[in-house]
Amino acid sequence: MEFRNWDEFWGYYMGQHSKSATRRWHFAGTLSALVCFLFAALLGRPWLVALCPLFGYGMAWYSHLFVERNSPASFGHPVWSLLCDFKMFGLMLTGGLDREIKRLGKRPLTS
């Protein structure tokens, strides 16, 4: 799919993450990748950085395959997907995701 701008892609991205379980898996993956990166920096172990994508993408792709049952947006739009993942993570962290879902007119699924 082609998108004209970030806002179009963001709406599509959120549609691909309609189930709360999918969003929770993404949150866990992003958090795990960030913690792994922090440990790599604090412990002076740069090889740990190689594990960050395994945590982040591994959990996210699992959720798409087995929970959401769709194709990850990162396959076609890797950079925008990563940025959207961080935005979704931030909104979940601050409690603003439900408001954003309503703003987009998406109907969040609870399973």
PDB file of N, CA and C in Angstrom:
ATOM      1  N   MET A   1       0.845  -1.187   0.000  1.00  0.00           N
ATOM      2  CA  MET A   1       0.000   0.000   0.000  1.00  0.00           C
ATOM      3  C   MET A   1       0.884   1.242   0.000  1.00  0.00           C
ATOM      4  N   GLU A   2       0.363   2.280  -0.600  1.00  0.00           N
ATOM      5  CA  GLU A   2       1.068   3.554  -0.634  1.00  0.00           C
ATOM      6  C   GLU A   2       0.337   4.553   0.260  1.00  0.00           C
ATOM      7  N   PHE A   3       1.111   5.362   0.936  1.00  0.00           N
ATOM      8  CA  PHE A   3       0.557   6.364   1.843  1.00  0.00           C
ATOM      9  C   PHE A   3       1.117   7.715   1.463  1.00  0.00           C
ATOM     10  N   ARG A   4       0.270   8.726   1.503  1.00  0.00           N
ATOM     11  CA  ARG A   4       0.700  10.068   1.110  1.00  0.00           C
ATOM     12  C   ARG A   4       1.463  10.779   2.223  1.00  0.00           C
ATOM     13  N   ASN A   5       1.185  10.409   3.471  1.00  0.00           N
ATOM     14  CA  ASN A   5       1.833  11.121   4.574  1.00  0.00           C
ATOM     15  C   ASN A   5       1.805  10.269   5.850  1.00  0.00           C
ATOM     16  N   TRP A   6       2.418  10.795   6.872  1.00  0.00           N
ATOM     17  CA  TRP A   6       2.524  10.110   8.160  1.00  0.00           C
ATOM     18  C   TRP A   6       1.146   9.842   8.765  1.00  0.00           C
ATOM     19  N   ASP A   7       0.245  10.813   8.699  1.00  0.00           N
ATOM     20  CA  ASP A   7      -1.079  10.654   9.305  1.00  0.00           C
ATOM     21  C   ASP A   7      -1.855   9.500   8.673  1.00  0.00           C
ATOM     22  N   GLU A   8      -1.760   9.375   7.364  1.00  0.00           N
ATOM     23  CA  GLU A   8      -2.417   8.246   6.691  1.00  0.00           C
ATOM     24  C   GLU A   8      -1.844   6.919   7.177  1.00  0.00           C
ATOM     25  N   PHE A   9      -0.526   6.865   7.268  1.00  0.00           N
ATOM     26  CA  PHE A   9       0.101   5.619   7.701  1.00  0.00           C
ATOM     27  C   PHE A   9      -0.255   5.321   9.159  1.00  0.00           C
ATOM     28  N   TRP A  10      -0.266   6.331   9.999  1.00  0.00           N
ATOM     29  CA  TRP A  10      -0.592   6.142  11.411  1.00  0.00           C
ATOM     30  C   TRP A  10      -1.994   5.541  11.559  1.00  0.00           C
ATOM     31  N   GLY A  11      -2.958   6.036  10.799  1.00  0.00           N
ATOM     32  CA  GLY A  11      -4.303   5.467  10.835  1.00  0.00           C
ATOM     33  C   GLY A  11      -4.315   4.008  10.398  1.00  0.00           C
ATOM     34  N   TYR A  12      -3.578   3.708   9.345  1.00  0.00           N
ATOM     35  CA  TYR A  12      -3.459   2.321   8.878  1.00  0.00           C
ATOM     36  C   TYR A  12      -2.786   1.457   9.948  1.00  0.00           C
ATOM     37  N   TYR A  13      -1.710   1.970  10.514  1.00  0.00           N
ATOM     38  CA  TYR A  13      -0.952   1.238  11.534  1.00  0.00           C
ATOM     39  C   TYR A  13      -1.849   0.877  12.717  1.00  0.00           C
ATOM     40  N   MET A  14      -2.632   1.822  13.179  1.00  0.00           N
ATOM     41  CA  MET A  14      -3.514   1.555  14.305  1.00  0.00           C
ATOM     42  C   MET A  14      -4.598   0.549  13.935  1.00  0.00           C
ATOM     43  N   GLY A  15      -5.040   0.567  12.690  1.00  0.00           N
ATOM     44  CA  GLY A  15      -5.996  -0.429  12.235  1.00  0.00           C
ATOM     45  C   GLY A  15      -5.412  -1.833  12.237  1.00  0.00           C
ATOM     46  N   GLN A  16      -4.106  -1.927  12.012  1.00  0.00           N
ATOM     47  CA  GLN A  16      -3.419  -3.219  12.022  1.00  0.00           C
ATOM     48  C   GLN A  16      -3.169  -3.716  13.448  1.00  0.00           C
ATOM     49  N   HIS A  17      -3.468  -2.874  14.427  1.00  0.00           N
ATOM     50  CA  HIS A  17      -3.260  -3.191  15.843  1.00  0.00           C
ATOM     51  C   HIS A  17      -4.572  -3.005  16.602  1.00  0.00           C
ATOM     52  N   SER A  18      -5.633  -3.596  16.077  1.00  0.00           N
ATOM     53  CA  SER A  18      -6.967  -3.361  16.634  1.00  0.00           C
ATOM     54  C   SER A  18      -7.216  -4.113  17.932  1.00  0.00           C
ATOM     55  N   LYS A  19      -6.509  -5.196  18.156  1.00  0.00           N
ATOM     56  CA  LYS A  19      -6.724  -5.982  19.381  1.00  0.00           C
ATOM     57  C   LYS A  19      -5.771  -5.520  20.484  1.00  0.00           C
ATOM     58  N   SER A  20      -6.318  -5.396  21.674  1.00  0.00           N
ATOM     59  CA  SER A  20      -5.495  -4.929  22.791  1.00  0.00           C
ATOM     60  C   SER A  20      -4.343  -5.889  23.087  1.00  0.00           C
ATOM     61  N   ALA A  21      -4.548  -7.184  22.855  1.00  0.00           N
ATOM     62  CA  ALA A  21      -3.460  -8.147  23.086  1.00  0.00           C
ATOM     63  C   ALA A  21      -2.301  -7.874  22.139  1.00  0.00           C
ATOM     64  N   THR A  22      -2.598  -7.501  20.911  1.00  0.00           N
ATOM     65  CA  THR A  22      -1.538  -7.158  19.953  1.00  0.00           C
ATOM     66  C   THR A  22      -0.761  -5.960  20.454  1.00  0.00           C
ATOM     67  N   ARG A  23      -1.469  -4.961  20.916  1.00  0.00           N
ATOM     68  CA  ARG A  23      -0.795  -3.754  21.425  1.00  0.00           C
ATOM     69  C   ARG A  23       0.034  -4.059  22.666  1.00  0.00           C
ATOM     70  N   ARG A  24      -0.463  -4.944  23.525  1.00  0.00           N
ATOM     71  CA  ARG A  24       0.313  -5.323  24.722  1.00  0.00           C
ATOM     72  C   ARG A  24       1.586  -6.068  24.342  1.00  0.00           C
ATOM     73  N   TRP A  25       1.503  -6.964  23.353  1.00  0.00           N
ATOM     74  CA  TRP A  25       2.709  -7.664  22.887  1.00  0.00           C
ATOM     75  C   TRP A  25       3.723  -6.655  22.330  1.00  0.00           C
ATOM     76  N   HIS A  26       3.234  -5.666  21.592  1.00  0.00           N
ATOM     77  CA  HIS A  26       4.127  -4.628  21.064  1.00  0.00           C
ATOM     78  C   HIS A  26       4.768  -3.845  22.198  1.00  0.00           C
ATOM     79  N   PHE A  27       3.972  -3.498  23.186  1.00  0.00           N
ATOM     80  CA  PHE A  27       4.503  -2.750  24.326  1.00  0.00           C
ATOM     81  C   PHE A  27       5.598  -3.549  25.022  1.00  0.00           C
ATOM     82  N   ALA A  28       5.336  -4.834  25.265  1.00  0.00           N
ATOM     83  CA  ALA A  28       6.328  -5.687  25.924  1.00  0.00           C
ATOM     84  C   ALA A  28       7.597  -5.810  25.086  1.00  0.00           C
ATOM     85  N   GLY A  29       7.434  -5.952  23.775  1.00  0.00           N
ATOM     86  CA  GLY A  29       8.596  -6.060  22.897  1.00  0.00           C
ATOM     87  C   GLY A  29       9.424  -4.798  22.873  1.00  0.00           C
ATOM     88  N   THR A  30       8.769  -3.650  22.777  1.00  0.00           N
ATOM     89  CA  THR A  30       9.483  -2.373  22.758  1.00  0.00           C
ATOM     90  C   THR A  30      10.175  -2.132  24.088  1.00  0.00           C
ATOM     91  N   LEU A  31       9.475  -2.402  25.183  1.00  0.00           N
ATOM     92  CA  LEU A  31      10.078  -2.239  26.502  1.00  0.00           C
ATOM     93  C   LEU A  31      11.286  -3.159  26.667  1.00  0.00           C
ATOM     94  N   SER A  32      11.158  -4.408  26.249  1.00  0.00           N
ATOM     95  CA  SER A  32      12.272  -5.360  26.348  1.00  0.00           C
ATOM     96  C   SER A  32      13.467  -4.906  25.523  1.00  0.00           C
ATOM     97  N   ALA A  33      13.210  -4.407  24.331  1.00  0.00           N
ATOM     98  CA  ALA A  33      14.295  -3.926  23.473  1.00  0.00           C
ATOM     99  C   ALA A  33      14.984  -2.711  24.097  1.00  0.00           C
ATOM    100  N   LEU A  34      14.198  -1.806  24.673  1.00  0.00           N
ATOM    101  CA  LEU A  34      14.779  -0.626  25.319  1.00  0.00           C
ATOM    102  C   LEU A  34      15.600  -1.006  26.546  1.00  0.00           C
ATOM    103  N   VAL A  35      15.107  -1.941  27.337  1.00  0.00           N
ATOM    104  CA  VAL A  35      15.844  -2.406  28.522  1.00  0.00           C
ATOM    105  C   VAL A  35      17.137  -3.095  28.089  1.00  0.00           C
ATOM    106  N   CYS A  36      17.067  -3.891  27.048  1.00  0.00           N
ATOM    107  CA  CYS A  36      18.249  -4.563  26.515  1.00  0.00           C
ATOM    108  C   CYS A  36      19.286  -3.532  26.058  1.00  0.00           C
ATOM    109  N   PHE A  37      18.825  -2.501  25.371  1.00  0.00           N
ATOM    110  CA  PHE A  37      19.723  -1.438  24.921  1.00  0.00           C
ATOM    111  C   PHE A  37      20.362  -0.719  26.106  1.00  0.00           C
ATOM    112  N   LEU A  38      19.566  -0.465  27.133  1.00  0.00           N
ATOM    113  CA  LEU A  38      20.076   0.191  28.342  1.00  0.00           C
ATOM    114  C   LEU A  38      21.136  -0.668  29.029  1.00  0.00           C
ATOM    115  N   PHE A  39      20.872  -1.955  29.158  1.00  0.00           N
ATOM    116  CA  PHE A  39      21.864  -2.856  29.743  1.00  0.00           C
ATOM    117  C   PHE A  39      23.143  -2.893  28.916  1.00  0.00           C
ATOM    118  N   ALA A  40      23.005  -2.901  27.610  1.00  0.00           N
ATOM    119  CA  ALA A  40      24.178  -2.904  26.729  1.00  0.00           C
ATOM    120  C   ALA A  40      25.039  -1.673  27.001  1.00  0.00           C
ATOM    121  N   ALA A  41      24.382  -0.525  27.154  1.00  0.00           N
ATOM    122  CA  ALA A  41      25.115   0.719  27.397  1.00  0.00           C
ATOM    123  C   ALA A  41      25.722   0.750  28.798  1.00  0.00           C
ATOM    124  N   LEU A  42      24.938   0.366  29.803  1.00  0.00           N
ATOM    125  CA  LEU A  42      25.411   0.439  31.182  1.00  0.00           C
ATOM    126  C   LEU A  42      26.493  -0.591  31.500  1.00  0.00           C
ATOM    127  N   LEU A  43      26.380  -1.764  30.907  1.00  0.00           N
ATOM    128  CA  LEU A  43      27.336  -2.829  31.188  1.00  0.00           C
ATOM    129  C   LEU A  43      28.519  -2.831  30.227  1.00  0.00           C
ATOM    130  N   GLY A  44      28.479  -1.956  29.237  1.00  0.00           N
ATOM    131  CA  GLY A  44      29.560  -1.914  28.264  1.00  0.00           C
ATOM    132  C   GLY A  44      29.630  -3.176  27.417  1.00  0.00           C
ATOM    133  N   ARG A  45      28.474  -3.712  27.086  1.00  0.00           N
ATOM    134  CA  ARG A  45      28.394  -4.943  26.285  1.00  0.00           C
ATOM    135  C   ARG A  45      27.662  -4.636  24.974  1.00  0.00           C
ATOM    136  N   PRO A  46      28.360  -4.090  23.992  1.00  0.00           N
ATOM    137  CA  PRO A  46      27.700  -3.693  22.746  1.00  0.00           C
ATOM    138  C   PRO A  46      27.041  -4.850  21.989  1.00  0.00           C
ATOM    139  N   TRP A  47      27.489  -6.054  22.214  1.00  0.00           N
ATOM    140  CA  TRP A  47      26.887  -7.206  21.524  1.00  0.00           C
ATOM    141  C   TRP A  47      25.426  -7.406  21.943  1.00  0.00           C
ATOM    142  N   LEU A  48      25.048  -6.908  23.121  1.00  0.00           N
ATOM    143  CA  LEU A  48      23.654  -7.016  23.563  1.00  0.00           C
ATOM    144  C   LEU A  48      22.699  -6.233  22.667  1.00  0.00           C
ATOM    145  N   VAL A  49      23.218  -5.212  21.990  1.00  0.00           N
ATOM    146  CA  VAL A  49      22.381  -4.416  21.094  1.00  0.00           C
ATOM    147  C   VAL A  49      21.805  -5.298  19.985  1.00  0.00           C
ATOM    148  N   ALA A  50      22.523  -6.328  19.605  1.00  0.00           N
ATOM    149  CA  ALA A  50      22.044  -7.237  18.561  1.00  0.00           C
ATOM    150  C   ALA A  50      20.780  -7.976  18.991  1.00  0.00           C
ATOM    151  N   LEU A  51      20.547  -8.087  20.298  1.00  0.00           N
ATOM    152  CA  LEU A  51      19.345  -8.756  20.791  1.00  0.00           C
ATOM    153  C   LEU A  51      18.103  -7.860  20.773  1.00  0.00           C
ATOM    154  N   CYS A  52      18.309  -6.556  20.691  1.00  0.00           N
ATOM    155  CA  CYS A  52      17.176  -5.621  20.731  1.00  0.00           C
ATOM    156  C   CYS A  52      16.125  -5.927  19.660  1.00  0.00           C
ATOM    157  N   PRO A  53      16.516  -6.090  18.391  1.00  0.00           N
ATOM    158  CA  PRO A  53      15.485  -6.405  17.391  1.00  0.00           C
ATOM    159  C   PRO A  53      14.814  -7.757  17.627  1.00  0.00           C
ATOM    160  N   LEU A  54      15.539  -8.699  18.197  1.00  0.00           N
ATOM    161  CA  LEU A  54      14.920  -9.995  18.484  1.00  0.00           C
ATOM    162  C   LEU A  54      13.776  -9.846  19.474  1.00  0.00           C
ATOM    163  N   PHE A  55      13.994  -9.039  20.508  1.00  0.00           N
ATOM    164  CA  PHE A  55      12.924  -8.795  21.470  1.00  0.00           C
ATOM    165  C   PHE A  55      11.784  -7.995  20.843  1.00  0.00           C
ATOM    166  N   GLY A  56      12.132  -6.846  20.259  1.00  0.00           N
ATOM    167  CA  GLY A  56      11.106  -5.952  19.723  1.00  0.00           C
ATOM    168  C   GLY A  56      10.312  -6.574  18.591  1.00  0.00           C
ATOM    169  N   TYR A  57      11.006  -6.993  17.550  1.00  0.00           N
ATOM    170  CA  TYR A  57      10.303  -7.555  16.398  1.00  0.00           C
ATOM    171  C   TYR A  57       9.740  -8.935  16.691  1.00  0.00           C
ATOM    172  N   GLY A  58      10.444  -9.716  17.487  1.00  0.00           N
ATOM    173  CA  GLY A  58       9.969 -11.061  17.792  1.00  0.00           C
ATOM    174  C   GLY A  58       8.598 -11.051  18.445  1.00  0.00           C
ATOM    175  N   MET A  59       8.435 -10.232  19.465  1.00  0.00           N
ATOM    176  CA  MET A  59       7.150 -10.157  20.152  1.00  0.00           C
ATOM    177  C   MET A  59       6.076  -9.520  19.274  1.00  0.00           C
ATOM    178  N   ALA A  60       6.463  -8.498  18.514  1.00  0.00           N
ATOM    179  CA  ALA A  60       5.499  -7.830  17.641  1.00  0.00           C
ATOM    180  C   ALA A  60       5.015  -8.775  16.541  1.00  0.00           C
ATOM    181  N   TRP A  61       5.939  -9.458  15.903  1.00  0.00           N
ATOM    182  CA  TRP A  61       5.550 -10.364  14.816  1.00  0.00           C
ATOM    183  C   TRP A  61       4.736 -11.537  15.342  1.00  0.00           C
ATOM    184  N   TYR A  62       5.079 -12.008  16.531  1.00  0.00           N
ATOM    185  CA  TYR A  62       4.264 -13.064  17.144  1.00  0.00           C
ATOM    186  C   TYR A  62       2.818 -12.600  17.254  1.00  0.00           C
ATOM    187  N   SER A  63       2.637 -11.368  17.732  1.00  0.00           N
ATOM    188  CA  SER A  63       1.273 -10.859  17.928  1.00  0.00           C
ATOM    189  C   SER A  63       0.520 -10.741  16.607  1.00  0.00           C
ATOM    190  N   HIS A  64       1.216 -10.381  15.553  1.00  0.00           N
ATOM    191  CA  HIS A  64       0.539 -10.279  14.258  1.00  0.00           C
ATOM    192  C   HIS A  64       0.170 -11.650  13.709  1.00  0.00           C
ATOM    193  N   LEU A  65       1.047 -12.610  13.882  1.00  0.00           N
ATOM    194  CA  LEU A  65       0.788 -13.943  13.343  1.00  0.00           C
ATOM    195  C   LEU A  65      -0.280 -14.698  14.126  1.00  0.00           C
ATOM    196  N   PHE A  66      -0.232 -14.613  15.458  1.00  0.00           N
ATOM    197  CA  PHE A  66      -1.082 -15.474  16.285  1.00  0.00           C
ATOM    198  C   PHE A  66      -2.225 -14.763  17.010  1.00  0.00           C
ATOM    199  N   VAL A  67      -2.174 -13.453  17.123  1.00  0.00           N
ATOM    200  CA  VAL A  67      -3.239 -12.710  17.812  1.00  0.00           C
ATOM    201  C   VAL A  67      -4.074 -11.934  16.793  1.00  0.00           C
ATOM    202  N   GLU A  68      -3.430 -11.031  16.094  1.00  0.00           N
ATOM    203  CA  GLU A  68      -4.137 -10.163  15.145  1.00  0.00           C
ATOM    204  C   GLU A  68      -4.443 -10.890  13.830  1.00  0.00           C
ATOM    205  N   ARG A  69      -3.593 -11.832  13.500  1.00  0.00           N
ATOM    206  CA  ARG A  69      -3.722 -12.633  12.262  1.00  0.00           C
ATOM    207  C   ARG A  69      -3.688 -11.761  11.006  1.00  0.00           C
ATOM    208  N   ASN A  70      -2.672 -10.898  10.964  1.00  0.00           N
ATOM    209  CA  ASN A  70      -2.432 -10.083   9.783  1.00  0.00           C
ATOM    210  C   ASN A  70      -0.921  -9.974   9.556  1.00  0.00           C
ATOM    211  N   SER A  71      -0.557  -9.306   8.522  1.00  0.00           N
ATOM    212  CA  SER A  71       0.858  -9.149   8.193  1.00  0.00           C
ATOM    213  C   SER A  71       1.408  -7.902   8.881  1.00  0.00           C
ATOM    214  N   PRO A  72       2.588  -8.000   9.505  1.00  0.00           N
ATOM    215  CA  PRO A  72       3.170  -6.817  10.149  1.00  0.00           C
ATOM    216  C   PRO A  72       3.401  -5.683   9.156  1.00  0.00           C
ATOM    217  N   ALA A  73       3.075  -4.479   9.560  1.00  0.00           N
ATOM    218  CA  ALA A  73       3.280  -3.305   8.706  1.00  0.00           C
ATOM    219  C   ALA A  73       4.762  -3.071   8.434  1.00  0.00           C
ATOM    220  N   SER A  74       5.624  -3.583   9.319  1.00  0.00           N
ATOM    221  CA  SER A  74       7.070  -3.385   9.153  1.00  0.00           C
ATOM    222  C   SER A  74       7.619  -4.086   7.920  1.00  0.00           C
ATOM    223  N   PHE A  75       6.900  -5.067   7.384  1.00  0.00           N
ATOM    224  CA  PHE A  75       7.370  -5.744   6.178  1.00  0.00           C
ATOM    225  C   PHE A  75       7.402  -4.786   4.990  1.00  0.00           C
ATOM    226  N   GLY A  76       6.414  -3.915   4.893  1.00  0.00           N
ATOM    227  CA  GLY A  76       6.345  -2.999   3.761  1.00  0.00           C
ATOM    228  C   GLY A  76       6.849  -1.600   4.045  1.00  0.00           C
ATOM    229  N   HIS A  77       6.811  -1.197   5.318  1.00  0.00           N
ATOM    230  CA  HIS A  77       7.181   0.168   5.702  1.00  0.00           C
ATOM    231  C   HIS A  77       7.966   0.129   7.013  1.00  0.00           C
ATOM    232  N   PRO A  78       9.208  -0.338   6.968  1.00  0.00           N
ATOM    233  CA  PRO A  78       9.960  -0.570   8.215  1.00  0.00           C
ATOM    234  C   PRO A  78      10.227   0.682   9.049  1.00  0.00           C
ATOM    235  N   VAL A  79      10.578   1.795   8.415  1.00  0.00           N
ATOM    236  CA  VAL A  79      10.919   2.997   9.186  1.00  0.00           C
ATOM    237  C   VAL A  79       9.663   3.604   9.815  1.00  0.00           C
ATOM    238  N   TRP A  80       8.622   3.791   9.005  1.00  0.00           N
ATOM    239  CA  TRP A  80       7.384   4.357   9.551  1.00  0.00           C
ATOM    240  C   TRP A  80       6.802   3.448  10.630  1.00  0.00           C
ATOM    241  N   SER A  81       6.913   2.151  10.444  1.00  0.00           N
ATOM    242  CA  SER A  81       6.387   1.210  11.439  1.00  0.00           C
ATOM    243  C   SER A  81       7.126   1.335  12.761  1.00  0.00           C
ATOM    244  N   LEU A  82       8.438   1.464  12.696  1.00  0.00           N
ATOM    245  CA  LEU A  82       9.223   1.627  13.920  1.00  0.00           C
ATOM    246  C   LEU A  82       8.834   2.915  14.636  1.00  0.00           C
ATOM    247  N   LEU A  83       8.705   3.992  13.877  1.00  0.00           N
ATOM    248  CA  LEU A  83       8.307   5.268  14.484  1.00  0.00           C
ATOM    249  C   LEU A  83       6.906   5.183  15.095  1.00  0.00           C
ATOM    250  N   CYS A  84       5.996   4.508  14.388  1.00  0.00           N
ATOM    251  CA  CYS A  84       4.639   4.339  14.914  1.00  0.00           C
ATOM    252  C   CYS A  84       4.649   3.471  16.167  1.00  0.00           C
ATOM    253  N   ASP A  85       5.511   2.472  16.195  1.00  0.00           N
ATOM    254  CA  ASP A  85       5.597   1.619  17.374  1.00  0.00           C
ATOM    255  C   ASP A  85       6.030   2.438  18.590  1.00  0.00           C
ATOM    256  N   PHE A  86       7.011   3.313  18.395  1.00  0.00           N
ATOM    257  CA  PHE A  86       7.444   4.160  19.510  1.00  0.00           C
ATOM    258  C   PHE A  86       6.338   5.137  19.918  1.00  0.00           C
ATOM    259  N   LYS A  87       5.598   5.646  18.939  1.00  0.00           N
ATOM    260  CA  LYS A  87       4.476   6.537  19.279  1.00  0.00           C
ATOM    261  C   LYS A  87       3.414   5.778  20.068  1.00  0.00           C
ATOM    262  N   MET A  88       3.065   4.572  19.606  1.00  0.00           N
ATOM    263  CA  MET A  88       2.067   3.769  20.307  1.00  0.00           C
ATOM    264  C   MET A  88       2.558   3.425  21.717  1.00  0.00           C
ATOM    265  N   PHE A  89       3.831   3.093  21.847  1.00  0.00           N
ATOM    266  CA  PHE A  89       4.433   2.802  23.148  1.00  0.00           C
ATOM    267  C   PHE A  89       4.290   4.008  24.080  1.00  0.00           C
ATOM    268  N   GLY A  90       4.624   5.180  23.563  1.00  0.00           N
ATOM    269  CA  GLY A  90       4.514   6.399  24.366  1.00  0.00           C
ATOM    270  C   GLY A  90       3.085   6.692  24.780  1.00  0.00           C
ATOM    271  N   LEU A  91       2.157   6.511  23.856  1.00  0.00           N
ATOM    272  CA  LEU A  91       0.745   6.732  24.188  1.00  0.00           C
ATOM    273  C   LEU A  91       0.253   5.728  25.225  1.00  0.00           C
ATOM    274  N   MET A  92       0.716   4.490  25.127  1.00  0.00           N
ATOM    275  CA  MET A  92       0.324   3.489  26.127  1.00  0.00           C
ATOM    276  C   MET A  92       0.925   3.838  27.484  1.00  0.00           C
ATOM    277  N   LEU A  93       2.159   4.287  27.467  1.00  0.00           N
ATOM    278  CA  LEU A  93       2.860   4.639  28.709  1.00  0.00           C
ATOM    279  C   LEU A  93       2.189   5.809  29.426  1.00  0.00           C
ATOM    280  N   THR A  94       1.678   6.755  28.658  1.00  0.00           N
ATOM    281  CA  THR A  94       1.075   7.951  29.249  1.00  0.00           C
ATOM    282  C   THR A  94      -0.434   7.853  29.394  1.00  0.00           C
ATOM    283  N   GLY A  95      -1.019   6.747  28.935  1.00  0.00           N
ATOM    284  CA  GLY A  95      -2.465   6.571  29.059  1.00  0.00           C
ATOM    285  C   GLY A  95      -3.273   7.284  27.989  1.00  0.00           C
ATOM    286  N   GLY A  96      -2.636   7.682  26.899  1.00  0.00           N
ATOM    287  CA  GLY A  96      -3.340   8.417  25.860  1.00  0.00           C
ATOM    288  C   GLY A  96      -3.796   7.597  24.669  1.00  0.00           C
ATOM    289  N   LEU A  97      -3.554   6.290  24.690  1.00  0.00           N
ATOM    290  CA  LEU A  97      -3.867   5.491  23.502  1.00  0.00           C
ATOM    291  C   LEU A  97      -5.366   5.371  23.261  1.00  0.00           C
ATOM    292  N   ASP A  98      -6.160   5.173  24.278  1.00  0.00           N
ATOM    293  CA  ASP A  98      -7.613   5.062  24.084  1.00  0.00           C
ATOM    294  C   ASP A  98      -8.184   6.327  23.454  1.00  0.00           C
ATOM    295  N   ARG A  99      -7.707   7.464  23.895  1.00  0.00           N
ATOM    296  CA  ARG A  99      -8.155   8.743  23.334  1.00  0.00           C
ATOM    297  C   ARG A  99      -7.742   8.847  21.853  1.00  0.00           C
ATOM    298  N   GLU A 100      -6.534   8.373  21.543  1.00  0.00           N
ATOM    299  CA  GLU A 100      -6.060   8.416  20.153  1.00  0.00           C
ATOM    300  C   GLU A 100      -6.860   7.467  19.267  1.00  0.00           C
ATOM    301  N   ILE A 101      -7.196   6.309  19.780  1.00  0.00           N
ATOM    302  CA  ILE A 101      -8.015   5.353  19.023  1.00  0.00           C
ATOM    303  C   ILE A 101      -9.378   5.972  18.721  1.00  0.00           C
ATOM    304  N   LYS A 102      -9.953   6.639  19.703  1.00  0.00           N
ATOM    305  CA  LYS A 102     -11.244   7.305  19.485  1.00  0.00           C
ATOM    306  C   LYS A 102     -11.110   8.443  18.484  1.00  0.00           C
ATOM    307  N   ARG A 103     -10.019   9.197  18.570  1.00  0.00           N
ATOM    308  CA  ARG A 103      -9.789  10.296  17.638  1.00  0.00           C
ATOM    309  C   ARG A 103      -9.717   9.793  16.203  1.00  0.00           C
ATOM    310  N   LEU A 104      -9.094   8.644  16.022  1.00  0.00           N
ATOM    311  CA  LEU A 104      -8.943   8.067  14.693  1.00  0.00           C
ATOM    312  C   LEU A 104     -10.227   7.406  14.203  1.00  0.00           C
ATOM    313  N   GLY A 105     -11.179   7.222  15.102  1.00  0.00           N
ATOM    314  CA  GLY A 105     -12.417   6.571  14.730  1.00  0.00           C
ATOM    315  C   GLY A 105     -12.300   5.073  14.626  1.00  0.00           C
ATOM    316  N   LYS A 106     -11.283   4.528  15.279  1.00  0.00           N
ATOM    317  CA  LYS A 106     -11.083   3.084  15.282  1.00  0.00           C
ATOM    318  C   LYS A 106     -11.861   2.494  16.446  1.00  0.00           C
ATOM    319  N   ARG A 107     -12.353   1.297  16.259  1.00  0.00           N
ATOM    320  CA  ARG A 107     -13.042   0.605  17.340  1.00  0.00           C
ATOM    321  C   ARG A 107     -12.076  -0.396  17.927  1.00  0.00           C
ATOM    322  N   PRO A 108     -11.528  -0.119  19.127  1.00  0.00           N
ATOM    323  CA  PRO A 108     -10.579  -1.065  19.715  1.00  0.00           C
ATOM    324  C   PRO A 108     -11.259  -2.358  20.120  1.00  0.00           C
ATOM    325  N   LEU A 109     -10.619  -3.458  19.826  1.00  0.00           N
ATOM    326  CA  LEU A 109     -11.096  -4.766  20.249  1.00  0.00           C
ATOM    327  C   LEU A 109     -10.393  -5.113  21.548  1.00  0.00           C
ATOM    328  N   THR A 110     -11.097  -5.728  22.461  1.00  0.00           N
ATOM    329  CA  THR A 110     -10.529  -5.990  23.774  1.00  0.00           C
ATOM    330  C   THR A 110      -9.796  -7.318  23.866  1.00  0.00           C
ATOM    331  N   SER A 111      -9.932  -8.189  22.889  1.00  0.00           N
ATOM    332  CA  SER A 111      -9.263  -9.492  23.000  1.00  0.00           C
ATOM    333  C   SER A 111      -7.876  -9.455  22.419  1.00  0.00           C
TER     334      SER A 111
END
